[in-house]
C-alpha atoms as a PDB file:
ATOM      1  CA  MET A   1    -168.454-108.457  87.942  1.00  0.00           C
ATOM      2  CA  ASN A   2    -170.612-106.822  85.226  1.00  0.00           C
ATOM      3  CA  THR A   3    -173.814-105.305  86.637  1.00  0.00           C
ATOM      4  CA  ALA A   4    -175.080-103.790  83.388  1.00  0.00           C
ATOM      5  CA  VAL A   5    -178.777-104.479  82.726  1.00  0.00           C
ATOM      6  CA  GLU A   6    -179.768-105.553  79.264  1.00  0.00           C
ATOM      7  CA  ARG A   7    -181.850-102.841  77.564  1.00  0.00           C
ATOM      8  CA  SER A   8    -184.978-103.394  75.463  1.00  0.00           C
ATOM      9  CA  ASN A   9    -186.967-101.099  73.171  1.00  0.00           C
ATOM     10  CA  LEU A  10    -190.669-100.352  73.595  1.00  0.00           C
ATOM     11  CA  THR A  11    -192.722 -98.955  70.723  1.00  0.00           C
ATOM     12  CA  ILE A  12    -196.173 -97.428  71.134  1.00  0.00           C
ATOM     13  CA  SER A  13    -198.644 -95.727  68.833  1.00  0.00           C
ATOM     14  CA  ILE A  14    -200.335 -92.526  70.004  1.00  0.00           C
ATOM     15  CA  ASP A  15    -202.131 -89.627  68.311  1.00  0.00           C
ATOM     16  CA  ARG A  16    -199.919 -86.694  67.375  1.00  0.00           C
ATOM     17  CA  PRO A  17    -201.638 -84.010  69.576  1.00  0.00           C
ATOM     18  CA  THR A  18    -201.271 -86.129  72.707  1.00  0.00           C
ATOM     19  CA  ARG A  19    -197.661 -86.956  71.842  1.00  0.00           C
ATOM     20  CA  GLU A  20    -196.835 -83.286  71.308  1.00  0.00           C
ATOM     21  CA  SER A  21    -198.594 -82.213  74.512  1.00  0.00           C
ATOM     22  CA  PHE A  22    -196.831 -84.904  76.529  1.00  0.00           C
ATOM     23  CA  SER A  23    -193.506 -83.964  74.997  1.00  0.00           C
ATOM     24  CA  ALA A  24    -194.072 -80.307  75.942  1.00  0.00           C
ATOM     25  CA  LEU A  25    -194.970 -81.319  79.495  1.00  0.00           C
ATOM     26  CA  CYS A  26    -191.801 -83.424  79.779  1.00  0.00           C
ATOM     27  CA  ASP A  27    -189.717 -80.589  78.382  1.00  0.00           C
ATOM     28  CA  GLY A  28    -191.180 -78.263  80.966  1.00  0.00           C
ATOM     29  CA  LEU A  29    -190.154 -80.720  83.673  1.00  0.00           C
ATOM     30  CA  GLY A  30    -186.663 -80.988  82.220  1.00  0.00           C
ATOM     31  CA  LEU A  31    -187.165 -84.606  81.129  1.00  0.00           C
ATOM     32  CA  SER A  32    -187.133 -86.429  77.846  1.00  0.00           C
ATOM     33  CA  VAL A  33    -190.249 -88.408  76.951  1.00  0.00           C
ATOM     34  CA  SER A  34    -188.217 -91.583  77.258  1.00  0.00           C
ATOM     35  CA  SER A  35    -186.848 -90.795  80.717  1.00  0.00           C
ATOM     36  CA  CYS A  36    -190.316 -89.787  81.969  1.00  0.00           C
ATOM     37  CA  ILE A  37    -191.909 -93.025  80.739  1.00  0.00           C
ATOM     38  CA  ILE A  38    -189.074 -95.061  82.246  1.00  0.00           C
ATOM     39  CA  ALA A  39    -189.580 -93.267  85.605  1.00  0.00           C
ATOM     40  CA  LEU A  40    -193.334 -93.920  85.471  1.00  0.00           C
ATOM     41  CA  MET A  41    -192.734 -97.602  84.699  1.00  0.00           C
ATOM     42  CA  ARG A  42    -190.169 -98.024  87.509  1.00  0.00           C
ATOM     43  CA  GLN A  43    -192.449 -96.290  90.000  1.00  0.00           C
ATOM     44  CA  SER A  44    -195.347 -98.571  88.979  1.00  0.00           C
ATOM     45  CA  VAL A  45    -193.207-101.669  89.471  1.00  0.00           C
ATOM     46  CA  ARG A  46    -191.935-100.405  92.840  1.00  0.00           C
ATOM     47  CA  GLN A  47    -195.429 -99.600  94.089  1.00  0.00           C
ATOM     48  CA  GLN A  48    -197.056-102.550  92.353  1.00  0.00           C
ATOM     49  CA  GLY A  49    -199.743-100.253  91.032  1.00  0.00           C
ATOM     50  CA  ILE A  50    -200.477 -97.399  88.664  1.00  0.00           C
ATOM     51  CA  ASN A  51    -201.808 -94.109  89.964  1.00  0.00           C
ATOM     52  CA  LEU A  52    -203.755 -92.482  87.161  1.00  0.00           C
ATOM     53  CA  SER A  53    -206.372 -89.782  87.435  1.00  0.00           C
ATOM     54  CA  MET A  54    -209.579 -90.552  85.575  1.00  0.00           C
ATOM     55  CA  LEU A  55    -210.847 -86.962  85.887  1.00  0.00           C
ATOM     56  CA  ASP A  56    -211.888 -85.209  82.704  1.00  0.00           C
ATOM     57  CA  ALA A  57    -210.690 -81.762  81.589  1.00  0.00           C
ATOM     58  CA  ASN A  58    -213.230 -80.161  83.973  1.00  0.00           C
ATOM     59  CA  GLY A  59    -212.110 -82.213  86.972  1.00  0.00           C
ATOM     60  CA  PHE A  60    -215.107 -84.600  87.010  1.00  0.00           C
ATOM     61  CA  THR A  61    -215.108 -88.350  87.328  1.00  0.00           C
ATOM     62  CA  PRO A  62    -216.823 -90.283  84.510  1.00  0.00           C
ATOM     63  CA  MET A  63    -219.871 -90.841  86.779  1.00  0.00           C
ATOM     64  CA  GLU A  64    -220.057 -87.156  87.708  1.00  0.00           C
ATOM     65  CA  ALA A  65    -219.731 -86.082  84.063  1.00  0.00           C
ATOM     66  CA  ALA A  66    -222.538 -88.518  83.051  1.00  0.00           C
ATOM     67  CA  GLU A  67    -224.785 -87.149  85.817  1.00  0.00           C
ATOM     68  CA  LEU A  68    -224.124 -83.558  84.756  1.00  0.00           C
ATOM     69  CA  LYS A  69    -224.881 -84.489  81.143  1.00  0.00           C
ATOM     70  CA  ARG A  70    -228.126 -86.180  82.207  1.00  0.00           C
ATOM     71  CA  ARG A  71    -229.172 -83.130  84.208  1.00  0.00           C
ATOM     72  CA  ALA A  72    -228.322 -80.763  81.349  1.00  0.00           C
ATOM     73  CA  GLU A  73    -230.507 -82.894  79.053  1.00  0.00           C
ATOM     74  CA  ASP A  74    -233.350 -82.657  81.565  1.00  0.00           C
ATOM     75  CA  VAL A  75    -233.049 -78.862  81.525  1.00  0.00           C
ATOM     76  CA  LYS A  76    -233.092 -78.820  77.683  1.00  0.00           C
ATOM     77  CA  LEU A  77    -236.227 -80.994  77.681  1.00  0.00           C
ATOM     78  CA  GLY A  78    -237.946 -78.720  80.220  1.00  0.00           C
ATOM     79  CA  HIS A  79    -237.898 -81.377  82.975  1.00  0.00           C
ATOM     80  CA  ALA A  80    -236.360 -79.043  85.557  1.00  0.00           C
ATOM     81  CA  GLU A  81    -237.560 -76.273  87.855  1.00  0.00           C
ATOM     82  CA  ALA A  82    -235.889 -72.895  88.225  1.00  0.00           C
ATOM     83  CA  HIS A  83    -235.136 -71.759  91.771  1.00  0.00           C
ATOM     84  CA  SER A  84    -233.939 -68.407  93.017  1.00  0.00           C
ATOM     85  CA  LEU A  85    -230.456 -68.426  94.539  1.00  0.00           C
ATOM     86  CA  ILE A  86    -231.423 -65.581  96.871  1.00  0.00           C
ATOM     87  CA  GLU A  87    -233.638 -66.430  99.841  1.00  0.00           C
ATOM     88  CA  GLU A  88    -236.283 -63.831 100.509  1.00  0.00           C
END
């Protein structure tokens, strides 16, 4: 009995810096890009879900980042009060 699974190719387009960074990450983990993507796909199928972090480079959610941006704009426009961090 032949249990070989038919293989199929998948082609994606991605910007070069992201591709190079992902490739370096995979290399550091001892994986090829292809084997890493296959592992991610198999895990997603097994779990029937995809676990992705939506945090930005500073560790904030999109809502938190938008709030911080709004508050920074308030400070720029002079719509904020300064408070001492030291209680007297």
